[in-house]
Amino acid sequence: MNRDALEGYVRARLAEGGSLRTIHGELTSLGHAWRVATERGLIEYRALPKLSLRIDPKVFTINHRTPTQEEVSRALAKLPAEEALTVQLLAATGARIGEVLALRRNQIHPTRGVLILDGKTGPREFPLTPGLLALIEDRLDGTDAPLIQLPVNNPQQRVRCRLGTACRRASVPEFTPHALRRLAVDRMARAGVEPSVAASITGHDPIVMLKHYRVVSEDDLRAAAKRADLGFVLRLAAEDSV
């Protein structure tokens, strides 16, 4: 593992459409793993080269806000057609933006009723609902052509920037493409979908999904306490003390 190898990895990830923030996180994780491996004597001790990745705060901002479905609809109305289709697919599947932008037309299988998403956890099948099929059926020619046509060098950045502009034009609080993934997880959780099933749909680890993607509101906390009748325990305690 040397500087050339790390720089080659960064170039390859950028070519795949990975964001600098994501790549920075991956290198940080590698650094932690490298340190543990050297401490345990699994590899010969030597310092891991450090790369300086400059993140433009005007492009890559931290925004963990999850929009409502109504806000997504309002933003959609302000997007160009191809970006709007991308956002609709993100909201419908809960997939990563890289997975949606990498979709090929021959990865859609109407007869089987699935589309194949291929991400960092490997290929997985997503149910092809009637609404989803109607959204893309005019593009299903069985070829290896991209499902989404965004002829730019960095389509992820293009979608992110256009979505931010659409939010401002629609007068809704700004959200990112990744927020649609959180929205999908939240919708499944509120619909009572088992975490293991939801995680299989989105390609998550169940624990990571519940920890980082599930939106817990004050109303959720009150509803949970009411369903569990936590006050009943207090009533029993009060009755026992009489």
C-alpha atoms as a PDB file:
ATOM      1  CA  MET A   1       0.000   0.000   0.000  1.00  0.00           C
ATOM      2  CA  ASN A   2       1.737   3.148  -1.200  1.00  0.00           C
ATOM      3  CA  ARG A   3       0.822   6.627  -2.398  1.00  0.00           C
ATOM      4  CA  ASP A   4       0.485   5.518  -6.014  1.00  0.00           C
ATOM      5  CA  ALA A   5      -1.974   2.785  -5.007  1.00  0.00           C
ATOM      6  CA  LEU A   6      -4.069   5.199  -2.947  1.00  0.00           C
ATOM      7  CA  GLU A   7      -4.105   7.841  -5.660  1.00  0.00           C
ATOM      8  CA  GLY A   8      -5.103   5.186  -8.180  1.00  0.00           C
ATOM      9  CA  TYR A   9      -7.983   4.166  -5.901  1.00  0.00           C
ATOM     10  CA  VAL A  10      -9.153   7.770  -5.623  1.00  0.00           C
ATOM     11  CA  ARG A  11      -9.049   8.225  -9.411  1.00  0.00           C
ATOM     12  CA  ALA A  12     -11.029   5.011  -9.922  1.00  0.00           C
ATOM     13  CA  ARG A  13     -13.677   6.020  -7.372  1.00  0.00           C
ATOM     14  CA  LEU A  14     -14.043   9.466  -8.927  1.00  0.00           C
ATOM     15  CA  ALA A  15     -14.460   7.844 -12.344  1.00  0.00           C
ATOM     16  CA  GLU A  16     -17.261   5.719 -10.857  1.00  0.00           C
ATOM     17  CA  GLY A  17     -19.029   8.888  -9.713  1.00  0.00           C
ATOM     18  CA  GLY A  18     -18.079   8.704  -6.032  1.00  0.00           C
ATOM     19  CA  SER A  19     -18.162  12.009  -4.168  1.00  0.00           C
ATOM     20  CA  LEU A  20     -15.059  13.412  -2.473  1.00  0.00           C
ATOM     21  CA  ARG A  21     -16.844  13.266   0.866  1.00  0.00           C
ATOM     22  CA  THR A  22     -17.584   9.560   0.423  1.00  0.00           C
ATOM     23  CA  ILE A  23     -14.036   8.798  -0.727  1.00  0.00           C
ATOM     24  CA  HIS A  24     -12.637  10.757   2.210  1.00  0.00           C
ATOM     25  CA  GLY A  25     -14.707   8.572   4.549  1.00  0.00           C
ATOM     26  CA  GLU A  26     -13.450   5.419   2.848  1.00  0.00           C
ATOM     27  CA  LEU A  27      -9.822   6.506   3.275  1.00  0.00           C
ATOM     28  CA  THR A  28     -10.507   7.310   6.931  1.00  0.00           C
ATOM     29  CA  SER A  29     -11.913   3.805   7.441  1.00  0.00           C
ATOM     30  CA  LEU A  30      -8.856   2.352   5.703  1.00  0.00           C
ATOM     31  CA  GLY A  31      -6.633   4.302   8.087  1.00  0.00           C
ATOM     32  CA  HIS A  32      -8.432   2.850  11.111  1.00  0.00           C
ATOM     33  CA  ALA A  33      -8.180  -0.682   9.720  1.00  0.00           C
ATOM     34  CA  TRP A  34      -4.491  -0.164   8.886  1.00  0.00           C
ATOM     35  CA  ARG A  35      -3.727   0.953  12.447  1.00  0.00           C
ATOM     36  CA  VAL A  36      -5.535  -2.028  13.989  1.00  0.00           C
ATOM     37  CA  ALA A  37      -3.753  -4.427  11.619  1.00  0.00           C
ATOM     38  CA  THR A  38      -0.334  -3.047  12.558  1.00  0.00           C
ATOM     39  CA  GLU A  39      -1.142  -3.125  16.286  1.00  0.00           C
ATOM     40  CA  ARG A  40      -2.088  -6.805  15.986  1.00  0.00           C
ATOM     41  CA  GLY A  41       0.980  -7.650  13.953  1.00  0.00           C
ATOM     42  CA  LEU A  42      -1.023  -8.637  10.890  1.00  0.00           C
ATOM     43  CA  ILE A  43       1.002  -6.363   8.624  1.00  0.00           C
ATOM     44  CA  GLU A  44       4.455  -4.820   8.885  1.00  0.00           C
ATOM     45  CA  TYR A  45       4.409  -1.466  10.614  1.00  0.00           C
ATOM     46  CA  ARG A  46       4.761   1.552   8.358  1.00  0.00           C
ATOM     47  CA  ALA A  47       2.828   4.764   8.068  1.00  0.00           C
ATOM     48  CA  LEU A  48      -0.039   4.835   5.607  1.00  0.00           C
ATOM     49  CA  PRO A  49       0.431   7.691   3.097  1.00  0.00           C
ATOM     50  CA  LYS A  50      -1.940  10.601   3.649  1.00  0.00           C
ATOM     51  CA  LEU A  51      -3.773  12.187   0.769  1.00  0.00           C
ATOM     52  CA  SER A  52      -5.225  15.670   0.834  1.00  0.00           C
ATOM     53  CA  LEU A  53      -8.722  15.656  -0.641  1.00  0.00           C
ATOM     54  CA  ARG A  54     -10.114  19.145  -0.968  1.00  0.00           C
ATOM     55  CA  ILE A  55     -13.878  19.217  -0.466  1.00  0.00           C
ATOM     56  CA  ASP A  56     -15.658  22.219  -1.916  1.00  0.00           C
ATOM     57  CA  PRO A  57     -18.145  23.350   0.784  1.00  0.00           C
ATOM     58  CA  LYS A  58     -20.261  25.009  -1.905  1.00  0.00           C
ATOM     59  CA  VAL A  59     -20.862  21.608  -3.504  1.00  0.00           C
ATOM     60  CA  PHE A  60     -20.524  19.091  -0.688  1.00  0.00           C
ATOM     61  CA  THR A  61     -22.494  20.254   2.326  1.00  0.00           C
ATOM     62  CA  ILE A  62     -23.710  18.276   5.299  1.00  0.00           C
ATOM     63  CA  ASN A  63     -27.475  18.011   5.056  1.00  0.00           C
ATOM     64  CA  HIS A  64     -29.140  15.172   6.911  1.00  0.00           C
ATOM     65  CA  ARG A  65     -32.653  16.504   6.554  1.00  0.00           C
ATOM     66  CA  THR A  66     -35.336  14.041   5.415  1.00  0.00           C
ATOM     67  CA  PRO A  67     -38.046  15.668   3.271  1.00  0.00           C
ATOM     68  CA  THR A  68     -41.737  14.902   3.293  1.00  0.00           C
ATOM     69  CA  GLN A  69     -43.393  13.293   0.290  1.00  0.00           C
ATOM     70  CA  GLU A  70     -45.194  16.564  -0.414  1.00  0.00           C
ATOM     71  CA  GLU A  71     -41.891  18.471  -0.463  1.00  0.00           C
ATOM     72  CA  VAL A  72     -40.408  15.954  -2.889  1.00  0.00           C
ATOM     73  CA  SER A  73     -43.409  16.384  -5.199  1.00  0.00           C
ATOM     74  CA  ARG A  74     -43.051  20.158  -5.167  1.00  0.00           C
ATOM     75  CA  ALA A  75     -39.329  19.964  -5.966  1.00  0.00           C
ATOM     76  CA  LEU A  76     -39.990  17.455  -8.760  1.00  0.00           C
ATOM     77  CA  ALA A  77     -42.180  19.974 -10.545  1.00  0.00           C
ATOM     78  CA  LYS A  78     -39.179  22.320 -10.829  1.00  0.00           C
ATOM     79  CA  LEU A  79     -36.701  19.775 -12.213  1.00  0.00           C
ATOM     80  CA  PRO A  80     -35.742  19.085 -15.850  1.00  0.00           C
ATOM     81  CA  ALA A  81     -37.119  15.797 -17.167  1.00  0.00           C
ATOM     82  CA  GLU A  82     -34.046  13.591 -16.778  1.00  0.00           C
ATOM     83  CA  GLU A  83     -33.180  14.834 -13.304  1.00  0.00           C
ATOM     84  CA  ALA A  84     -36.848  14.483 -12.313  1.00  0.00           C
ATOM     85  CA  LEU A  85     -36.819  10.846 -13.430  1.00  0.00           C
ATOM     86  CA  THR A  86     -33.672  10.262 -11.381  1.00  0.00           C
ATOM     87  CA  VAL A  87     -35.271  11.749  -8.268  1.00  0.00           C
ATOM     88  CA  GLN A  88     -38.436   9.720  -8.793  1.00  0.00           C
ATOM     89  CA  LEU A  89     -36.410   6.513  -9.035  1.00  0.00           C
ATOM     90  CA  LEU A  90     -34.452   7.430  -5.907  1.00  0.00           C
ATOM     91  CA  ALA A  91     -37.657   8.055  -3.976  1.00  0.00           C
ATOM     92  CA  ALA A  92     -39.344   4.928  -5.331  1.00  0.00           C
ATOM     93  CA  THR A  93     -36.477   2.508  -4.659  1.00  0.00           C
ATOM     94  CA  GLY A  94     -34.535   4.010  -1.754  1.00  0.00           C
ATOM     95  CA  ALA A  95     -31.412   3.191  -3.761  1.00  0.00           C
ATOM     96  CA  ARG A  96     -28.099   5.003  -3.672  1.00  0.00           C
ATOM     97  CA  ILE A  97     -27.730   7.640  -6.363  1.00  0.00           C
ATOM     98  CA  GLY A  98     -24.790   5.771  -7.880  1.00  0.00           C
ATOM     99  CA  GLU A  99     -26.937   2.645  -8.201  1.00  0.00           C
ATOM    100  CA  VAL A 100     -29.720   4.512  -9.993  1.00  0.00           C
ATOM    101  CA  LEU A 101     -27.380   6.361 -12.361  1.00  0.00           C
ATOM    102  CA  ALA A 102     -25.619   3.072 -13.179  1.00  0.00           C
ATOM    103  CA  LEU A 103     -28.870   1.311 -14.139  1.00  0.00           C
ATOM    104  CA  ARG A 104     -28.890  -0.210 -17.626  1.00  0.00           C
ATOM    105  CA  ARG A 105     -32.035  -0.894 -19.594  1.00  0.00           C
ATOM    106  CA  ASN A 106     -31.355  -4.629 -19.633  1.00  0.00           C
ATOM    107  CA  GLN A 107     -31.333  -4.646 -15.837  1.00  0.00           C
ATOM    108  CA  ILE A 108     -35.121  -4.145 -15.903  1.00  0.00           C
ATOM    109  CA  HIS A 109     -37.032  -7.437 -16.168  1.00  0.00           C
ATOM    110  CA  PRO A 110     -40.803  -6.857 -16.558  1.00  0.00           C
ATOM    111  CA  THR A 111     -41.603 -10.572 -16.956  1.00  0.00           C
ATOM    112  CA  ARG A 112     -39.876 -11.373 -13.674  1.00  0.00           C
ATOM    113  CA  GLY A 113     -41.183  -8.200 -12.077  1.00  0.00           C
ATOM    114  CA  VAL A 114     -37.798  -6.983 -10.828  1.00  0.00           C
ATOM    115  CA  LEU A 115     -35.042  -4.521 -11.572  1.00  0.00           C
ATOM    116  CA  ILE A 116     -31.440  -5.241 -10.629  1.00  0.00           C
ATOM    117  CA  LEU A 117     -29.610  -2.669  -8.525  1.00  0.00           C
ATOM    118  CA  ASP A 118     -25.863  -3.156  -8.236  1.00  0.00           C
ATOM    119  CA  GLY A 119     -24.117  -1.292  -5.435  1.00  0.00           C
ATOM    120  CA  LYS A 120     -21.382  -1.637  -2.848  1.00  0.00           C
ATOM    121  CA  THR A 121     -23.211  -4.532  -1.171  1.00  0.00           C
ATOM    122  CA  GLY A 122     -23.530  -6.383  -4.481  1.00  0.00           C
ATOM    123  CA  PRO A 123     -26.462  -6.932  -6.870  1.00  0.00           C
ATOM    124  CA  ARG A 124     -29.957  -7.092  -5.408  1.00  0.00           C
ATOM    125  CA  GLU A 125     -33.442  -7.364  -6.855  1.00  0.00           C
ATOM    126  CA  PHE A 126     -36.024  -4.657  -6.329  1.00  0.00           C
ATOM    127  CA  PRO A 127     -39.743  -5.363  -6.934  1.00  0.00           C
ATOM    128  CA  LEU A 128     -40.935  -3.728 -10.147  1.00  0.00           C
ATOM    129  CA  THR A 129     -44.238  -2.191  -9.062  1.00  0.00           C
ATOM    130  CA  PRO A 130     -46.842  -1.042 -11.633  1.00  0.00           C
ATOM    131  CA  GLY A 131     -46.110   2.592 -10.851  1.00  0.00           C
ATOM    132  CA  LEU A 132     -42.374   2.095 -11.265  1.00  0.00           C
ATOM    133  CA  LEU A 133     -42.879   0.195 -14.524  1.00  0.00           C
ATOM    134  CA  ALA A 134     -45.094   2.971 -15.913  1.00  0.00           C
ATOM    135  CA  LEU A 135     -42.354   5.464 -15.110  1.00  0.00           C
ATOM    136  CA  ILE A 136     -39.701   3.738 -17.242  1.00  0.00           C
ATOM    137  CA  GLU A 137     -41.527   1.425 -19.651  1.00  0.00           C
ATOM    138  CA  ASP A 138     -40.811   3.628 -22.684  1.00  0.00           C
ATOM    139  CA  ARG A 139     -37.078   2.984 -22.169  1.00  0.00           C
ATOM    140  CA  LEU A 140     -37.152  -0.798 -21.848  1.00  0.00           C
ATOM    141  CA  ASP A 141     -35.617  -1.837 -25.162  1.00  0.00           C
ATOM    142  CA  GLY A 142     -33.427  -4.575 -23.672  1.00  0.00           C
ATOM    143  CA  THR A 143     -30.174  -2.855 -24.614  1.00  0.00           C
ATOM    144  CA  ASP A 144     -27.136  -2.086 -22.469  1.00  0.00           C
ATOM    145  CA  ALA A 145     -27.813   1.643 -22.801  1.00  0.00           C
ATOM    146  CA  PRO A 146     -28.029   3.703 -19.586  1.00  0.00           C
ATOM    147  CA  LEU A 147     -31.554   4.078 -18.238  1.00  0.00           C
ATOM    148  CA  ILE A 148     -30.788   7.679 -17.230  1.00  0.00           C
ATOM    149  CA  GLN A 149     -29.370   9.971 -19.899  1.00  0.00           C
ATOM    150  CA  LEU A 150     -27.180  12.624 -18.265  1.00  0.00           C
ATOM    151  CA  PRO A 151     -24.250  13.282 -20.641  1.00  0.00           C
ATOM    152  CA  VAL A 152     -22.021  15.069 -18.126  1.00  0.00           C
ATOM    153  CA  ASN A 153     -18.749  14.128 -16.444  1.00  0.00           C
ATOM    154  CA  ASN A 154     -20.217  14.074 -12.941  1.00  0.00           C
ATOM    155  CA  PRO A 155     -23.921  13.159 -13.090  1.00  0.00           C
ATOM    156  CA  GLN A 156     -24.178  12.791  -9.298  1.00  0.00           C
ATOM    157  CA  GLN A 157     -23.078  16.375  -8.790  1.00  0.00           C
ATOM    158  CA  ARG A 158     -25.407  17.489 -11.576  1.00  0.00           C
ATOM    159  CA  VAL A 159     -28.433  15.881  -9.893  1.00  0.00           C
ATOM    160  CA  ARG A 160     -27.455  17.216  -6.484  1.00  0.00           C
ATOM    161  CA  CYS A 161     -27.052  20.794  -7.745  1.00  0.00           C
ATOM    162  CA  ARG A 162     -30.224  20.732  -9.837  1.00  0.00           C
ATOM    163  CA  LEU A 163     -32.190  19.304  -6.906  1.00  0.00           C
ATOM    164  CA  GLY A 164     -30.937  22.077  -4.625  1.00  0.00           C
ATOM    165  CA  THR A 165     -32.018  24.675  -7.177  1.00  0.00           C
ATOM    166  CA  ALA A 166     -35.421  23.007  -7.550  1.00  0.00           C
ATOM    167  CA  CYS A 167     -35.943  23.065  -3.786  1.00  0.00           C
ATOM    168  CA  ARG A 168     -35.241  26.786  -3.674  1.00  0.00           C
ATOM    169  CA  ARG A 169     -37.577  27.463  -6.587  1.00  0.00           C
ATOM    170  CA  ALA A 170     -40.299  25.381  -4.963  1.00  0.00           C
ATOM    171  CA  SER A 171     -39.762  27.151  -1.612  1.00  0.00           C
ATOM    172  CA  VAL A 172     -39.105  23.911   0.271  1.00  0.00           C
ATOM    173  CA  PRO A 173     -36.214  23.283   2.685  1.00  0.00           C
ATOM    174  CA  GLU A 174     -33.290  21.935   0.694  1.00  0.00           C
ATOM    175  CA  PHE A 175     -32.627  18.187   0.726  1.00  0.00           C
ATOM    176  CA  THR A 176     -30.106  15.968  -1.032  1.00  0.00           C
ATOM    177  CA  PRO A 177     -30.511  12.893  -3.264  1.00  0.00           C
ATOM    178  CA  HIS A 178     -29.403  10.735  -0.338  1.00  0.00           C
ATOM    179  CA  ALA A 179     -32.262  12.125   1.743  1.00  0.00           C
ATOM    180  CA  LEU A 180     -34.633  10.199  -0.527  1.00  0.00           C
ATOM    181  CA  ARG A 181     -32.983   7.003   0.683  1.00  0.00           C
ATOM    182  CA  ARG A 182     -33.719   8.007   4.258  1.00  0.00           C
ATOM    183  CA  LEU A 183     -37.284   8.852   3.238  1.00  0.00           C
ATOM    184  CA  ALA A 184     -37.759   5.353   1.789  1.00  0.00           C
ATOM    185  CA  VAL A 185     -36.431   3.729   4.976  1.00  0.00           C
ATOM    186  CA  ASP A 186     -38.695   5.924   7.084  1.00  0.00           C
ATOM    187  CA  ARG A 187     -41.752   5.062   4.970  1.00  0.00           C
ATOM    188  CA  MET A 188     -41.077   1.331   5.312  1.00  0.00           C
ATOM    189  CA  ALA A 189     -40.562   1.621   9.064  1.00  0.00           C
ATOM    190  CA  ARG A 190     -43.823   3.509   9.516  1.00  0.00           C
ATOM    191  CA  ALA A 191     -45.601   0.940   7.337  1.00  0.00           C
ATOM    192  CA  GLY A 192     -44.456  -1.811   9.720  1.00  0.00           C
ATOM    193  CA  VAL A 193     -42.003  -3.489   7.329  1.00  0.00           C
ATOM    194  CA  GLU A 194     -39.622  -5.751   9.259  1.00  0.00           C
ATOM    195  CA  PRO A 195     -36.108  -4.234   9.480  1.00  0.00           C
ATOM    196  CA  SER A 196     -34.483  -7.274   7.872  1.00  0.00           C
ATOM    197  CA  VAL A 197     -36.831  -7.033   4.872  1.00  0.00           C
ATOM    198  CA  ALA A 198     -36.370  -3.259   4.556  1.00  0.00           C
ATOM    199  CA  ALA A 199     -32.593  -3.682   4.745  1.00  0.00           C
ATOM    200  CA  SER A 200     -32.689  -6.265   1.959  1.00  0.00           C
ATOM    201  CA  ILE A 201     -34.626  -3.839  -0.224  1.00  0.00           C
ATOM    202  CA  THR A 202     -32.204  -0.955   0.288  1.00  0.00           C
ATOM    203  CA  GLY A 203     -28.984  -2.950   0.559  1.00  0.00           C
ATOM    204  CA  HIS A 204     -28.312  -1.905   4.145  1.00  0.00           C
ATOM    205  CA  ASP A 205     -27.030  -3.626   7.229  1.00  0.00           C
ATOM    206  CA  PRO A 206     -30.187  -3.706   9.441  1.00  0.00           C
ATOM    207  CA  ILE A 207     -28.424  -2.141  12.434  1.00  0.00           C
ATOM    208  CA  VAL A 208     -26.875   0.641  10.346  1.00  0.00           C
ATOM    209  CA  MET A 209     -30.219   1.282   8.688  1.00  0.00           C
ATOM    210  CA  LEU A 210     -32.083   1.690  11.968  1.00  0.00           C
ATOM    211  CA  LYS A 211     -29.325   3.738  13.595  1.00  0.00           C
ATOM    212  CA  HIS A 212     -28.643   6.227  10.819  1.00  0.00           C
ATOM    213  CA  TYR A 213     -31.683   6.281   8.550  1.00  0.00           C
ATOM    214  CA  ARG A 214     -34.793   5.914  10.690  1.00  0.00           C
ATOM    215  CA  VAL A 215     -36.255   9.313  11.547  1.00  0.00           C
ATOM    216  CA  VAL A 216     -37.596   9.377  15.108  1.00  0.00           C
ATOM    217  CA  SER A 217     -39.882  12.281  15.901  1.00  0.00           C
ATOM    218  CA  GLU A 218     -41.405  13.463  19.172  1.00  0.00           C
ATOM    219  CA  ASP A 219     -44.739  12.055  17.989  1.00  0.00           C
ATOM    220  CA  ASP A 220     -43.059   8.649  17.519  1.00  0.00           C
ATOM    221  CA  LEU A 221     -41.835   8.715  21.109  1.00  0.00           C
ATOM    222  CA  ARG A 222     -45.265   9.631  22.454  1.00  0.00           C
ATOM    223  CA  ALA A 223     -46.967   6.969  20.333  1.00  0.00           C
ATOM    224  CA  ALA A 224     -44.488   4.308  21.500  1.00  0.00           C
ATOM    225  CA  ALA A 225     -45.058   5.188  25.138  1.00  0.00           C
ATOM    226  CA  LYS A 226     -48.820   5.086  24.621  1.00  0.00           C
ATOM    227  CA  ARG A 227     -48.783   1.741  22.778  1.00  0.00           C
ATOM    228  CA  ALA A 228     -46.599   0.194  25.472  1.00  0.00           C
ATOM    229  CA  ASP A 229     -48.748   1.797  28.183  1.00  0.00           C
ATOM    230  CA  LEU A 230     -45.636   2.760  30.110  1.00  0.00           C
ATOM    231  CA  GLY A 231     -47.786   4.767  32.480  1.00  0.00           C
ATOM    232  CA  PHE A 232     -49.448   1.502  33.564  1.00  0.00           C
ATOM    233  CA  VAL A 233     -46.243   0.491  35.361  1.00  0.00           C
ATOM    234  CA  LEU A 234     -46.368   3.732  37.284  1.00  0.00           C
ATOM    235  CA  ARG A 235     -50.018   3.147  38.180  1.00  0.00           C
ATOM    236  CA  LEU A 236     -49.157  -0.287  39.542  1.00  0.00           C
ATOM    237  CA  ALA A 237     -46.374   1.162  41.616  1.00  0.00           C
ATOM    238  CA  ALA A 238     -48.733   3.790  42.965  1.00  0.00           C
ATOM    239  CA  GLU A 239     -51.375   1.175  43.797  1.00  0.00           C
ATOM    240  CA  ASP A 240     -48.814  -1.023  45.599  1.00  0.00           C
ATOM    241  CA  SER A 241     -47.738   1.863  47.766  1.00  0.00           C
ATOM    242  CA  VAL A 242     -51.311   2.527  48.996  1.00  0.00           C
END
